[in-house]
């Protein structure tokens, strides 16, 4: 496999079409019609300015990751690298950019969520040093506005 030259930069709203296409074509990525819409991602980027990244190679976006924080913990979502560009360090570079930015503002830990059947994703994360927490479970419930069908921004 030939090494691919790529450049990592901050994600912008103008990247949406290419990034959404990458996410739709990546196994293990679950998209939500509302929060992952153009408007939803724009709101996410506004709430977390400068934390999400894309990787470009050969004139196209070949990797992307959303990154945000709650003031205490960082969160990575939707890390994706185009199949033809994997094993070139793109995923690792995107993750490292996020962790560096989180660390710069004093966020000391970062979390990810994986679908339990995402074996390739789990293998990637463990390969780059992430550890599974067996003492936690994720529970979820729609917010009141979500339950009523009210969109938030």
Foldseek 3Di string as FASTA:
>chain_A
DDAFDKDKFADALVQLVQLVVQLVPFPFADDDPACSDSVNVNVQCVQAPRQWMFMDTPHGTFWTWRWHDPLAEIEIHRTGGHPVNPPNCRSVVRVVSNVVVCVVVPHDYYDYDTDPPPVVVVVVCVVVPDDDDPVDDDDDDDDPCVVVVHDDD
